[in-house]
Amino acid sequence: MQLAKVVGNVVSTSKDERLVGFKLLLIRKIDENENYIGELEIAVDTVGAGAGEVVIVVRSGGARHAAGREQAPLDAAIVGIVDTVEMEM
């Protein structure tokens, strides 16, 4: 699992039929200081996340399982909205 921030929405009226009904969000991974790292990605939203929220993201088979569609072409799924993060260093 990884932390990411929702930075936008993706609207696609023409897509693989196994993705129909899913909200697609644009995300970017973040580090422990909420600095963006990596590239922009598209993730399926399974929890009702919105722009600006920090979320928990799973990938690959975990994403397909979380979305309940084992055969769907999913790379990433949002499975949680983060309220707080506490770290001890």
PDB file of N, CA and C in Angstrom:
ATOM      1  N   MET A   1       0.839  -1.173   0.000  1.00  0.00           N
ATOM      2  CA  MET A   1       0.000   0.000   0.000  1.00  0.00           C
ATOM      3  C   MET A   1       0.883   1.235   0.000  1.00  0.00           C
ATOM      4  N   GLN A   2       0.334   2.292  -0.566  1.00  0.00           N
ATOM      5  CA  GLN A   2       1.072   3.544  -0.654  1.00  0.00           C
ATOM      6  C   GLN A   2       0.150   4.715  -0.369  1.00  0.00           C
ATOM      7  N   LEU A   3       0.758   5.815   0.040  1.00  0.00           N
ATOM      8  CA  LEU A   3      -0.005   7.050   0.212  1.00  0.00           C
ATOM      9  C   LEU A   3       0.076   7.865  -1.070  1.00  0.00           C
ATOM     10  N   ALA A   4      -1.036   8.495  -1.408  1.00  0.00           N
ATOM     11  CA  ALA A   4      -1.085   9.362  -2.584  1.00  0.00           C
ATOM     12  C   ALA A   4      -2.065  10.485  -2.300  1.00  0.00           C
ATOM     13  N   LYS A   5      -2.023  11.494  -3.140  1.00  0.00           N
ATOM     14  CA  LYS A   5      -2.985  12.590  -3.031  1.00  0.00           C
ATOM     15  C   LYS A   5      -3.789  12.639  -4.328  1.00  0.00           C
ATOM     16  N   VAL A   6      -5.086  12.845  -4.179  1.00  0.00           N
ATOM     17  CA  VAL A   6      -5.957  12.986  -5.340  1.00  0.00           C
ATOM     18  C   VAL A   6      -5.761  14.397  -5.888  1.00  0.00           C
ATOM     19  N   VAL A   7      -5.390  14.472  -7.166  1.00  0.00           N
ATOM     20  CA  VAL A   7      -5.106  15.774  -7.771  1.00  0.00           C
ATOM     21  C   VAL A   7      -6.083  16.125  -8.891  1.00  0.00           C
ATOM     22  N   GLY A   8      -7.015  15.222  -9.194  1.00  0.00           N
ATOM     23  CA  GLY A   8      -7.992  15.531 -10.231  1.00  0.00           C
ATOM     24  C   GLY A   8      -8.876  14.350 -10.573  1.00  0.00           C
ATOM     25  N   ASN A   9      -9.770  14.580 -11.519  1.00  0.00           N
ATOM     26  CA  ASN A   9     -10.697  13.558 -12.004  1.00  0.00           C
ATOM     27  C   ASN A   9     -10.353  13.200 -13.439  1.00  0.00           C
ATOM     28  N   VAL A  10     -10.740  12.003 -13.840  1.00  0.00           N
ATOM     29  CA  VAL A  10     -10.597  11.585 -15.226  1.00  0.00           C
ATOM     30  C   VAL A  10     -11.970  11.160 -15.713  1.00  0.00           C
ATOM     31  N   VAL A  11     -12.417  11.759 -16.815  1.00  0.00           N
ATOM     32  CA  VAL A  11     -13.696  11.392 -17.411  1.00  0.00           C
ATOM     33  C   VAL A  11     -13.402  10.694 -18.729  1.00  0.00           C
ATOM     34  N   SER A  12     -13.925   9.487 -18.867  1.00  0.00           N
ATOM     35  CA  SER A  12     -13.712   8.701 -20.079  1.00  0.00           C
ATOM     36  C   SER A  12     -15.029   8.038 -20.453  1.00  0.00           C
ATOM     37  N   THR A  13     -15.690   8.569 -21.455  1.00  0.00           N
ATOM     38  CA  THR A  13     -16.977   7.994 -21.860  1.00  0.00           C
ATOM     39  C   THR A  13     -16.792   6.728 -22.684  1.00  0.00           C
ATOM     40  N   SER A  14     -15.640   6.582 -23.308  1.00  0.00           N
ATOM     41  CA  SER A  14     -15.340   5.382 -24.084  1.00  0.00           C
ATOM     42  C   SER A  14     -14.190   4.659 -23.394  1.00  0.00           C
ATOM     43  N   LYS A  15     -14.492   3.489 -22.810  1.00  0.00           N
ATOM     44  CA  LYS A  15     -13.467   2.743 -22.071  1.00  0.00           C
ATOM     45  C   LYS A  15     -13.807   1.263 -22.072  1.00  0.00           C
ATOM     46  N   ASP A  16     -12.887   0.457 -21.617  1.00  0.00           N
ATOM     47  CA  ASP A  16     -13.106  -0.979 -21.490  1.00  0.00           C
ATOM     48  C   ASP A  16     -14.377  -1.215 -20.672  1.00  0.00           C
ATOM     49  N   GLU A  17     -15.207  -2.115 -21.111  1.00  0.00           N
ATOM     50  CA  GLU A  17     -16.494  -2.352 -20.439  1.00  0.00           C
ATOM     51  C   GLU A  17     -16.339  -2.787 -18.991  1.00  0.00           C
ATOM     52  N   ARG A  18     -15.197  -3.354 -18.645  1.00  0.00           N
ATOM     53  CA  ARG A  18     -14.970  -3.784 -17.259  1.00  0.00           C
ATOM     54  C   ARG A  18     -14.678  -2.615 -16.323  1.00  0.00           C
ATOM     55  N   LEU A  19     -14.522  -1.416 -16.891  1.00  0.00           N
ATOM     56  CA  LEU A  19     -14.303  -0.212 -16.086  1.00  0.00           C
ATOM     57  C   LEU A  19     -15.555   0.645 -15.949  1.00  0.00           C
ATOM     58  N   VAL A  20     -16.609   0.256 -16.637  1.00  0.00           N
ATOM     59  CA  VAL A  20     -17.853   1.019 -16.575  1.00  0.00           C
ATOM     60  C   VAL A  20     -18.376   1.020 -15.138  1.00  0.00           C
ATOM     61  N   GLY A  21     -18.799   2.188 -14.675  1.00  0.00           N
ATOM     62  CA  GLY A  21     -19.338   2.323 -13.327  1.00  0.00           C
ATOM     63  C   GLY A  21     -18.335   2.766 -12.290  1.00  0.00           C
ATOM     64  N   PHE A  22     -17.063   2.788 -12.643  1.00  0.00           N
ATOM     65  CA  PHE A  22     -16.039   3.226 -11.704  1.00  0.00           C
ATOM     66  C   PHE A  22     -15.739   4.705 -11.885  1.00  0.00           C
ATOM     67  N   LYS A  23     -15.505   5.395 -10.757  1.00  0.00           N
ATOM     68  CA  LYS A  23     -15.000   6.763 -10.801  1.00  0.00           C
ATOM     69  C   LYS A  23     -13.489   6.658 -10.917  1.00  0.00           C
ATOM     70  N   LEU A  24     -12.932   7.391 -11.866  1.00  0.00           N
ATOM     71  CA  LEU A  24     -11.487   7.385 -12.083  1.00  0.00           C
ATOM     72  C   LEU A  24     -10.904   8.693 -11.574  1.00  0.00           C
ATOM     73  N   LEU A  25      -9.863   8.586 -10.762  1.00  0.00           N
ATOM     74  CA  LEU A  25      -9.224   9.767 -10.181  1.00  0.00           C
ATOM     75  C   LEU A  25      -7.764   9.831 -10.575  1.00  0.00           C
ATOM     76  N   LEU A  26      -7.276  11.036 -10.723  1.00  0.00           N
ATOM     77  CA  LEU A  26      -5.877  11.280 -11.006  1.00  0.00           C
ATOM     78  C   LEU A  26      -5.163  11.424  -9.669  1.00  0.00           C
ATOM     79  N   ILE A  27      -4.132  10.612  -9.451  1.00  0.00           N
ATOM     80  CA  ILE A  27      -3.411  10.626  -8.177  1.00  0.00           C
ATOM     81  C   ILE A  27      -1.918  10.804  -8.416  1.00  0.00           C
ATOM     82  N   ARG A  28      -1.249  11.183  -7.344  1.00  0.00           N
ATOM     83  CA  ARG A  28       0.212  11.243  -7.364  1.00  0.00           C
ATOM     84  C   ARG A  28       0.716  10.797  -6.006  1.00  0.00           C
ATOM     85  N   LYS A  29       1.669   9.871  -5.994  1.00  0.00           N
ATOM     86  CA  LYS A  29       2.242   9.384  -4.741  1.00  0.00           C
ATOM     87  C   LYS A  29       2.865  10.544  -3.970  1.00  0.00           C
ATOM     88  N   ILE A  30       2.870  10.402  -2.630  1.00  0.00           N
ATOM     89  CA  ILE A  30       3.482  11.413  -1.774  1.00  0.00           C
ATOM     90  C   ILE A  30       4.446  10.748  -0.801  1.00  0.00           C
ATOM     91  N   ASP A  31       5.405  11.539  -0.322  1.00  0.00           N
ATOM     92  CA  ASP A  31       6.319  11.042   0.700  1.00  0.00           C
ATOM     93  C   ASP A  31       5.782  11.389   2.088  1.00  0.00           C
ATOM     94  N   GLU A  32       6.586  11.165   3.111  1.00  0.00           N
ATOM     95  CA  GLU A  32       6.130  11.375   4.487  1.00  0.00           C
ATOM     96  C   GLU A  32       5.846  12.836   4.816  1.00  0.00           C
ATOM     97  N   ASN A  33       6.337  13.760   3.981  1.00  0.00           N
ATOM     98  CA  ASN A  33       6.078  15.184   4.179  1.00  0.00           C
ATOM     99  C   ASN A  33       5.023  15.720   3.208  1.00  0.00           C
ATOM    100  N   GLU A  34       4.318  14.816   2.563  1.00  0.00           N
ATOM    101  CA  GLU A  34       3.286  15.120   1.572  1.00  0.00           C
ATOM    102  C   GLU A  34       3.834  15.832   0.342  1.00  0.00           C
ATOM    103  N   ASN A  35       5.126  15.615   0.046  1.00  0.00           N
ATOM    104  CA  ASN A  35       5.715  16.103  -1.201  1.00  0.00           C
ATOM    105  C   ASN A  35       5.400  15.097  -2.295  1.00  0.00           C
ATOM    106  N   TYR A  36       5.061  15.584  -3.470  1.00  0.00           N
ATOM    107  CA  TYR A  36       4.769  14.685  -4.585  1.00  0.00           C
ATOM    108  C   TYR A  36       6.021  13.968  -5.042  1.00  0.00           C
ATOM    109  N   ILE A  37       5.852  12.675  -5.333  1.00  0.00           N
ATOM    110  CA  ILE A  37       6.932  11.870  -5.897  1.00  0.00           C
ATOM    111  C   ILE A  37       6.344  11.042  -7.034  1.00  0.00           C
ATOM    112  N   GLY A  38       7.159  10.760  -8.008  1.00  0.00           N
ATOM    113  CA  GLY A  38       6.686   9.919  -9.098  1.00  0.00           C
ATOM    114  C   GLY A  38       5.797  10.656 -10.080  1.00  0.00           C
ATOM    115  N   GLU A  39       5.224   9.873 -10.964  1.00  0.00           N
ATOM    116  CA  GLU A  39       4.396  10.393 -12.046  1.00  0.00           C
ATOM    117  C   GLU A  39       2.919  10.402 -11.667  1.00  0.00           C
ATOM    118  N   LEU A  40       2.130  11.133 -12.421  1.00  0.00           N
ATOM    119  CA  LEU A  40       0.677  11.092 -12.267  1.00  0.00           C
ATOM    120  C   LEU A  40       0.174   9.707 -12.667  1.00  0.00           C
ATOM    121  N   GLU A  41      -0.865   9.245 -11.980  1.00  0.00           N
ATOM    122  CA  GLU A  41      -1.458   7.947 -12.282  1.00  0.00           C
ATOM    123  C   GLU A  41      -2.976   8.058 -12.225  1.00  0.00           C
ATOM    124  N   ILE A  42      -3.636   7.115 -12.840  1.00  0.00           N
ATOM    125  CA  ILE A  42      -5.087   7.022 -12.759  1.00  0.00           C
ATOM    126  C   ILE A  42      -5.420   5.841 -11.859  1.00  0.00           C
ATOM    127  N   ALA A  43      -6.332   6.054 -10.916  1.00  0.00           N
ATOM    128  CA  ALA A  43      -6.743   4.988 -10.004  1.00  0.00           C
ATOM    129  C   ALA A  43      -8.262   4.902  -9.959  1.00  0.00           C
ATOM    130  N   VAL A  44      -8.763   3.697  -9.790  1.00  0.00           N
ATOM    131  CA  VAL A  44     -10.191   3.477  -9.576  1.00  0.00           C
ATOM    132  C   VAL A  44     -10.497   3.820  -8.123  1.00  0.00           C
ATOM    133  N   ASP A  45     -11.563   4.574  -7.906  1.00  0.00           N
ATOM    134  CA  ASP A  45     -11.960   4.970  -6.554  1.00  0.00           C
ATOM    135  C   ASP A  45     -12.993   3.981  -6.019  1.00  0.00           C
ATOM    136  N   THR A  46     -12.684   3.328  -4.899  1.00  0.00           N
ATOM    137  CA  THR A  46     -13.634   2.391  -4.292  1.00  0.00           C
ATOM    138  C   THR A  46     -14.242   2.926  -2.998  1.00  0.00           C
ATOM    139  N   VAL A  47     -13.857   4.162  -2.600  1.00  0.00           N
ATOM    140  CA  VAL A  47     -14.287   4.667  -1.293  1.00  0.00           C
ATOM    141  C   VAL A  47     -14.912   6.062  -1.312  1.00  0.00           C
ATOM    142  N   GLY A  48     -15.054   6.682  -2.454  1.00  0.00           N
ATOM    143  CA  GLY A  48     -15.654   8.014  -2.507  1.00  0.00           C
ATOM    144  C   GLY A  48     -14.695   9.146  -2.216  1.00  0.00           C
ATOM    145  N   ALA A  49     -13.442   9.006  -2.627  1.00  0.00           N
ATOM    146  CA  ALA A  49     -12.435  10.046  -2.387  1.00  0.00           C
ATOM    147  C   ALA A  49     -12.672  11.244  -3.304  1.00  0.00           C
ATOM    148  N   GLY A  50     -12.064  12.366  -2.918  1.00  0.00           N
ATOM    149  CA  GLY A  50     -12.210  13.574  -3.709  1.00  0.00           C
ATOM    150  C   GLY A  50     -10.903  14.337  -3.831  1.00  0.00           C
ATOM    151  N   ALA A  51     -10.919  15.363  -4.631  1.00  0.00           N
ATOM    152  CA  ALA A  51      -9.728  16.177  -4.893  1.00  0.00           C
ATOM    153  C   ALA A  51      -9.126  16.710  -3.600  1.00  0.00           C
ATOM    154  N   GLY A  52      -7.808  16.633  -3.513  1.00  0.00           N
ATOM    155  CA  GLY A  52      -7.076  17.163  -2.372  1.00  0.00           C
ATOM    156  C   GLY A  52      -6.925  16.203  -1.210  1.00  0.00           C
ATOM    157  N   GLU A  53      -7.616  15.067  -1.253  1.00  0.00           N
ATOM    158  CA  GLU A  53      -7.542  14.127  -0.134  1.00  0.00           C
ATOM    159  C   GLU A  53      -6.326  13.207  -0.253  1.00  0.00           C
ATOM    160  N   VAL A  54      -5.756  12.878   0.897  1.00  0.00           N
ATOM    161  CA  VAL A  54      -4.698  11.874   0.961  1.00  0.00           C
ATOM    162  C   VAL A  54      -5.382  10.513   1.059  1.00  0.00           C
ATOM    163  N   VAL A  55      -4.938   9.582   0.228  1.00  0.00           N
ATOM    164  CA  VAL A  55      -5.600   8.288   0.128  1.00  0.00           C
ATOM    165  C   VAL A  55      -4.598   7.140   0.215  1.00  0.00           C
ATOM    166  N   ILE A  56      -5.131   5.955   0.488  1.00  0.00           N
ATOM    167  CA  ILE A  56      -4.349   4.720   0.489  1.00  0.00           C
ATOM    168  C   ILE A  56      -4.614   4.021  -0.837  1.00  0.00           C
ATOM    169  N   VAL A  57      -3.534   3.630  -1.511  1.00  0.00           N
ATOM    170  CA  VAL A  57      -3.639   3.028  -2.835  1.00  0.00           C
ATOM    171  C   VAL A  57      -3.026   1.631  -2.819  1.00  0.00           C
ATOM    172  N   VAL A  58      -3.723   0.681  -3.443  1.00  0.00           N
ATOM    173  CA  VAL A  58      -3.173  -0.656  -3.659  1.00  0.00           C
ATOM    174  C   VAL A  58      -2.989  -0.853  -5.150  1.00  0.00           C
ATOM    175  N   ARG A  59      -2.130  -1.789  -5.506  1.00  0.00           N
ATOM    176  CA  ARG A  59      -1.779  -1.982  -6.911  1.00  0.00           C
ATOM    177  C   ARG A  59      -1.950  -3.430  -7.364  1.00  0.00           C
ATOM    178  N   SER A  60      -1.914  -3.600  -8.654  1.00  0.00           N
ATOM    179  CA  SER A  60      -1.935  -4.901  -9.326  1.00  0.00           C
ATOM    180  C   SER A  60      -3.130  -5.751  -8.920  1.00  0.00           C
ATOM    181  N   GLY A  61      -2.863  -6.999  -8.494  1.00  0.00           N
ATOM    182  CA  GLY A  61      -3.940  -7.901  -8.102  1.00  0.00           C
ATOM    183  C   GLY A  61      -4.751  -7.370  -6.941  1.00  0.00           C
ATOM    184  N   GLY A  62      -4.104  -6.648  -6.035  1.00  0.00           N
ATOM    185  CA  GLY A  62      -4.815  -6.044  -4.913  1.00  0.00           C
ATOM    186  C   GLY A  62      -5.823  -5.007  -5.382  1.00  0.00           C
ATOM    187  N   ALA A  63      -5.494  -4.288  -6.440  1.00  0.00           N
ATOM    188  CA  ALA A  63      -6.410  -3.290  -6.994  1.00  0.00           C
ATOM    189  C   ALA A  63      -7.622  -3.965  -7.615  1.00  0.00           C
ATOM    190  N   ARG A  64      -7.391  -5.019  -8.369  1.00  0.00           N
ATOM    191  CA  ARG A  64      -8.508  -5.743  -8.991  1.00  0.00           C
ATOM    192  C   ARG A  64      -9.398  -6.372  -7.930  1.00  0.00           C
ATOM    193  N   HIS A  65      -8.782  -6.929  -6.898  1.00  0.00           N
ATOM    194  CA  HIS A  65      -9.550  -7.555  -5.811  1.00  0.00           C
ATOM    195  C   HIS A  65     -10.379  -6.502  -5.059  1.00  0.00           C
ATOM    196  N   ALA A  66      -9.769  -5.371  -4.759  1.00  0.00           N
ATOM    197  CA  ALA A  66     -10.473  -4.308  -4.028  1.00  0.00           C
ATOM    198  C   ALA A  66     -11.663  -3.788  -4.817  1.00  0.00           C
ATOM    199  N   ALA A  67     -11.525  -3.745  -6.133  1.00  0.00           N
ATOM    200  CA  ALA A  67     -12.610  -3.255  -6.984  1.00  0.00           C
ATOM    201  C   ALA A  67     -13.656  -4.329  -7.258  1.00  0.00           C
ATOM    202  N   GLY A  68     -13.350  -5.565  -6.884  1.00  0.00           N
ATOM    203  CA  GLY A  68     -14.304  -6.651  -7.100  1.00  0.00           C
ATOM    204  C   GLY A  68     -14.405  -7.097  -8.542  1.00  0.00           C
ATOM    205  N   ARG A  69     -13.383  -6.823  -9.310  1.00  0.00           N
ATOM    206  CA  ARG A  69     -13.359  -7.225 -10.721  1.00  0.00           C
ATOM    207  C   ARG A  69     -11.996  -7.806 -11.061  1.00  0.00           C
ATOM    208  N   GLU A  70     -11.872  -9.093 -10.828  1.00  0.00           N
ATOM    209  CA  GLU A  70     -10.586  -9.773 -10.992  1.00  0.00           C
ATOM    210  C   GLU A  70     -10.038  -9.720 -12.416  1.00  0.00           C
ATOM    211  N   GLN A  71     -10.893  -9.572 -13.412  1.00  0.00           N
ATOM    212  CA  GLN A  71     -10.440  -9.555 -14.805  1.00  0.00           C
ATOM    213  C   GLN A  71     -10.326  -8.153 -15.394  1.00  0.00           C
ATOM    214  N   ALA A  72     -10.594  -7.128 -14.592  1.00  0.00           N
ATOM    215  CA  ALA A  72     -10.544  -5.752 -15.096  1.00  0.00           C
ATOM    216  C   ALA A  72      -9.101  -5.286 -15.278  1.00  0.00           C
ATOM    217  N   PRO A  73      -8.868  -4.423 -16.258  1.00  0.00           N
ATOM    218  CA  PRO A  73      -7.512  -3.902 -16.492  1.00  0.00           C
ATOM    219  C   PRO A  73      -7.170  -2.765 -15.532  1.00  0.00           C
ATOM    220  N   LEU A  74      -6.966  -3.102 -14.265  1.00  0.00           N
ATOM    221  CA  LEU A  74      -6.683  -2.101 -13.228  1.00  0.00           C
ATOM    222  C   LEU A  74      -5.239  -2.203 -12.762  1.00  0.00           C
ATOM    223  N   ASP A  75      -4.606  -1.056 -12.602  1.00  0.00           N
ATOM    224  CA  ASP A  75      -3.259  -1.002 -12.029  1.00  0.00           C
ATOM    225  C   ASP A  75      -3.273  -0.460 -10.613  1.00  0.00           C
ATOM    226  N   ALA A  76      -4.269   0.389 -10.292  1.00  0.00           N
ATOM    227  CA  ALA A  76      -4.302   1.030  -8.980  1.00  0.00           C
ATOM    228  C   ALA A  76      -5.743   1.258  -8.545  1.00  0.00           C
ATOM    229  N   ALA A  77      -5.984   1.074  -7.250  1.00  0.00           N
ATOM    230  CA  ALA A  77      -7.302   1.331  -6.669  1.00  0.00           C
ATOM    231  C   ALA A  77      -7.138   2.064  -5.352  1.00  0.00           C
ATOM    232  N   ILE A  78      -7.992   3.050  -5.130  1.00  0.00           N
ATOM    233  CA  ILE A  78      -8.014   3.776  -3.859  1.00  0.00           C
ATOM    234  C   ILE A  78      -8.896   2.987  -2.907  1.00  0.00           C
ATOM    235  N   VAL A  79      -8.331   2.601  -1.748  1.00  0.00           N
ATOM    236  CA  VAL A  79      -9.055   1.756  -0.800  1.00  0.00           C
ATOM    237  C   VAL A  79      -9.283   2.426   0.551  1.00  0.00           C
ATOM    238  N   GLY A  80      -8.786   3.644   0.732  1.00  0.00           N
ATOM    239  CA  GLY A  80      -8.992   4.342   2.001  1.00  0.00           C
ATOM    240  C   GLY A  80      -8.709   5.820   1.870  1.00  0.00           C
ATOM    241  N   ILE A  81      -9.407   6.598   2.691  1.00  0.00           N
ATOM    242  CA  ILE A  81      -9.158   8.031   2.792  1.00  0.00           C
ATOM    243  C   ILE A  81      -8.484   8.261   4.141  1.00  0.00           C
ATOM    244  N   VAL A  82      -7.338   8.918   4.121  1.00  0.00           N
ATOM    245  CA  VAL A  82      -6.525   9.097   5.326  1.00  0.00           C
ATOM    246  C   VAL A  82      -7.018  10.298   6.120  1.00  0.00           C
ATOM    247  N   ASP A  83      -7.256  10.075   7.417  1.00  0.00           N
ATOM    248  CA  ASP A  83      -7.619  11.168   8.320  1.00  0.00           C
ATOM    249  C   ASP A  83      -6.357  11.817   8.882  1.00  0.00           C
ATOM    250  N   THR A  84      -5.474  11.004   9.418  1.00  0.00           N
ATOM    251  CA  THR A  84      -4.207  11.513   9.948  1.00  0.00           C
ATOM    252  C   THR A  84      -3.128  10.465   9.774  1.00  0.00           C
ATOM    253  N   VAL A  85      -1.890  10.922   9.805  1.00  0.00           N
ATOM    254  CA  VAL A  85      -0.727  10.036   9.794  1.00  0.00           C
ATOM    255  C   VAL A  85       0.160  10.460  10.941  1.00  0.00           C
ATOM    256  N   GLU A  86       0.532   9.507  11.780  1.00  0.00           N
ATOM    257  CA  GLU A  86       1.434   9.805  12.887  1.00  0.00           C
ATOM    258  C   GLU A  86       2.700   8.987  12.706  1.00  0.00           C
ATOM    259  N   MET A  87       3.828   9.669  12.770  1.00  0.00           N
ATOM    260  CA  MET A  87       5.120   8.998  12.609  1.00  0.00           C
ATOM    261  C   MET A  87       6.027   9.344  13.758  1.00  0.00           C
ATOM    262  N   GLU A  88       6.801   8.371  14.178  1.00  0.00           N
ATOM    263  CA  GLU A  88       7.842   8.609  15.178  1.00  0.00           C
ATOM    264  C   GLU A  88       9.163   8.341  14.506  1.00  0.00           C
ATOM    265  N   MET A  89      10.050   9.299  14.600  1.00  0.00           N
ATOM    266  CA  MET A  89      11.325   9.166  13.903  1.00  0.00           C
ATOM    267  C   MET A  89      12.454   9.100  14.897  1.00  0.00           C
TER     268      MET A  89
END
